[in-house]
Protein backbone atom coordinates (compact mmCIF):
# COMPACT_ATOMS: atom_id res chain seq x y z
CA UNK A 1 78.97 124.97 99.52
CA UNK A 2 78.63 122.04 97.16
CA UNK A 3 81.75 120.21 95.88
CA UNK A 4 82.08 119.13 92.30
CA UNK A 5 82.70 115.41 91.68
CA UNK A 6 86.38 116.02 90.73
CA UNK A 7 86.91 118.10 93.88
CA UNK A 8 85.47 115.29 96.01
CA UNK A 9 87.84 112.81 94.37
CA UNK A 10 90.86 115.04 95.01
CA UNK A 11 89.75 115.61 98.60
CA UNK A 12 89.31 111.85 99.19
CA UNK A 13 92.78 111.16 97.74
CA UNK A 14 94.37 113.78 100.00
CA UNK A 15 92.54 112.37 103.04
CA UNK A 16 93.64 108.82 102.17
CA UNK A 17 97.27 109.94 101.88
CA UNK A 18 96.99 111.84 105.17
CA UNK A 19 95.55 108.83 106.97
CA UNK A 20 98.33 106.55 105.59
CA UNK A 21 100.99 109.03 106.73
CA UNK A 22 99.39 109.29 110.18
CA UNK A 23 99.23 105.51 110.55
CA UNK A 24 102.88 105.26 109.50
CA UNK A 25 104.01 107.89 112.01
CA UNK A 26 102.10 106.21 114.84
CA UNK A 27 103.57 102.80 113.87
CA UNK A 28 107.10 104.24 114.02
CA UNK A 29 106.47 105.47 117.54
CA UNK A 30 105.60 102.00 118.86
CA UNK A 31 108.05 99.68 117.07
CA UNK A 32 110.68 97.82 119.10
CA UNK A 33 114.35 98.58 118.56
CA UNK A 34 116.35 96.46 116.11
CA UNK A 35 119.55 94.94 117.45
CA UNK A 36 121.89 94.51 114.49
CA UNK A 37 125.27 92.88 114.85
CA UNK A 38 127.61 95.83 115.22
CA UNK A 39 124.59 98.14 115.01
CA UNK A 40 124.94 98.78 111.26
CA UNK A 41 122.77 98.40 108.16
CA UNK A 42 123.35 98.75 104.43
CA UNK A 43 122.45 101.94 102.55
CA UNK A 44 122.50 102.92 98.88
CA UNK A 45 122.61 106.23 97.02
CA UNK A 46 121.11 107.78 93.91
CA UNK A 47 123.70 107.74 91.16
CA UNK A 48 121.90 109.43 88.28
CA UNK A 49 118.54 110.41 86.80
CA UNK A 50 117.61 110.72 83.12
CA UNK A 51 114.32 110.55 81.22
CA UNK A 52 112.28 109.50 84.27
CA UNK A 53 114.70 106.73 85.23
CA UNK A 54 116.90 106.62 88.34
CA UNK A 55 120.07 104.64 88.75
CA UNK A 56 120.65 103.66 92.40
CA UNK A 57 123.35 101.52 93.91
CA UNK A 58 125.79 100.59 96.61
CA UNK A 59 128.46 103.26 95.94
CA UNK A 60 130.31 103.06 99.23
CA UNK A 61 128.08 100.55 101.01
CA UNK A 62 129.12 97.44 102.89
CA UNK A 63 126.79 94.74 101.63
CA UNK A 64 128.19 92.17 104.05
CA UNK A 65 127.75 93.77 107.48
CA UNK A 66 126.32 97.25 106.74
CA UNK A 67 128.14 100.58 106.95
CA UNK A 68 125.58 102.93 108.50
CA UNK A 69 124.79 103.16 112.22
CA UNK A 70 121.25 101.84 112.80
CA UNK A 71 120.51 104.84 115.03
CA UNK A 72 120.67 107.00 111.87
CA UNK A 73 117.36 108.19 110.41
CA UNK A 74 117.27 107.78 106.62
CA UNK A 75 114.53 107.12 104.08
CA UNK A 76 113.74 103.57 102.95
CA UNK A 77 114.07 102.84 99.26
CA UNK A 78 110.77 101.23 98.27
CA UNK A 79 109.99 99.46 95.01
CA UNK A 80 106.89 98.40 93.13
CA UNK A 81 107.92 95.80 90.56
CA UNK A 82 105.11 95.86 88.04
CA UNK A 83 106.97 94.13 85.20
CA UNK A 84 107.65 97.35 83.28
CA UNK A 85 109.68 96.45 80.17
CA UNK A 86 113.35 97.36 80.08
CA UNK A 87 113.85 100.74 78.40
CA UNK A 88 116.56 100.96 75.78
CA UNK A 89 119.80 102.77 76.45
CA UNK A 90 120.46 101.92 80.10
CA UNK A 91 124.05 102.86 80.92
CA UNK A 92 126.35 102.90 83.90
CA UNK A 93 128.50 100.39 85.66
CA UNK A 94 125.42 98.33 86.64
CA UNK A 95 122.96 98.77 83.75
CA UNK A 96 120.36 96.39 85.18
CA UNK A 97 116.60 96.99 85.17
CA UNK A 98 114.47 96.40 88.28
CA UNK A 99 111.21 96.26 86.33
CA UNK A 100 109.20 98.94 88.08
CA UNK A 101 109.10 102.15 90.11
CA UNK A 102 111.06 103.33 93.15
CA UNK A 103 110.33 105.96 95.78
CA UNK A 104 111.70 106.95 99.18
CA UNK A 105 109.85 107.31 102.48
CA UNK A 106 110.27 110.00 105.09
CA UNK A 107 113.24 109.50 107.44
CA UNK A 108 113.14 106.25 109.43
CA UNK A 109 115.68 105.30 112.11
CA UNK A 110 117.35 102.02 111.19
CA UNK A 111 116.46 100.81 114.71
CA UNK A 112 112.80 100.82 113.63
CA UNK A 113 113.62 98.20 110.98
CA UNK A 114 113.10 95.19 113.23
CA UNK A 115 112.33 92.75 110.38
CA UNK A 116 111.82 92.63 106.64
CA UNK A 117 108.07 92.43 107.28
CA UNK A 118 108.20 95.65 109.33
CA UNK A 119 110.20 97.41 106.61
CA UNK A 120 107.86 96.20 103.87
CA UNK A 121 104.86 97.41 105.87
CA UNK A 122 106.37 100.90 106.03
CA UNK A 123 106.55 100.94 102.22
CA UNK A 124 102.91 99.82 102.02
CA UNK A 125 101.91 102.50 104.55
CA UNK A 126 103.63 105.20 102.50
CA UNK A 127 102.82 104.11 98.94
CA UNK A 128 100.12 101.44 99.00
CA UNK A 129 99.64 97.81 98.07
CA UNK A 130 102.36 96.20 95.97
CA UNK A 131 105.21 98.28 97.40
CA UNK A 132 108.04 96.78 99.48
CA UNK A 133 111.56 97.62 100.64
CA UNK A 134 114.06 97.46 97.75
CA UNK A 135 116.55 94.60 97.87
CA UNK A 136 120.21 94.50 96.84
CA UNK A 137 119.49 91.97 94.04
CA UNK A 138 116.34 93.59 92.57
CA UNK A 139 118.17 94.37 89.35
CA UNK A 140 121.08 91.93 89.63
CA UNK A 141 123.19 93.19 92.49
CA UNK A 142 125.18 96.28 93.52
CA UNK A 143 122.88 98.64 91.60
CA UNK A 144 119.89 98.94 89.27
CA UNK A 145 117.70 101.28 87.24
CA UNK A 146 113.97 101.89 87.81
CA UNK A 147 111.37 104.54 87.06
CA UNK A 148 111.37 107.31 89.66
CA UNK A 149 113.10 110.42 90.88
CA UNK A 150 114.20 109.63 94.42
CA UNK A 151 116.01 112.15 96.55
CA UNK A 152 119.72 112.49 95.88
CA UNK A 153 120.76 114.44 98.98
CA UNK A 154 121.22 111.45 101.30
CA UNK A 155 121.59 107.69 101.34
CA UNK A 156 118.64 105.34 101.95
CA UNK A 157 118.06 101.97 103.60
CA UNK A 158 118.07 98.94 101.26
CA UNK A 159 118.03 95.33 102.43
CA UNK A 160 120.08 92.33 101.34
CA UNK A 161 118.75 88.79 101.55
CA UNK A 162 121.96 86.77 101.73
CA UNK A 163 124.25 88.54 104.22
CA UNK A 164 124.02 90.17 107.66
CA UNK A 165 123.91 93.73 106.28
CA UNK A 166 120.49 94.69 107.70
CA UNK A 167 119.59 96.47 110.93
CA UNK A 168 117.34 93.54 111.96
CA UNK A 169 120.08 90.90 111.66
CA UNK A 170 121.44 89.56 114.97
């Protein structure tokens, strides 16, 4: 049976995604355990979604020392900041634009987040080059808007660069 050119392209894309997911799952199985102070990391939640844009933010987080046990498995919030212009009409308590797209990974135990580099690599493994773990200040702080439609049924890991609120912090 001969495949059409478009079928080959779709098949190659599916294989590439499958290989990335397999590499990611294997890497999770061999990572060392993070040892956060107090064993907690910071998580955010989806606040709203309208016209292809999500608002995400702290909403109950502890940005200073983390509020979620690092043994908890949650998705990472990943971002690809491609310089997308700010859409008009952003609303909410934190109407700041992150300048790109967001997505969430499969569930990852916070203990697997041993460093920012390890977390960023998970985003690359899931979504490709240019993606990294979202940071507390990507829009301004406490919350931001970005293109996407991330899951709203659970919180997700987000890092902060100026406090001890990450699972990899001592």
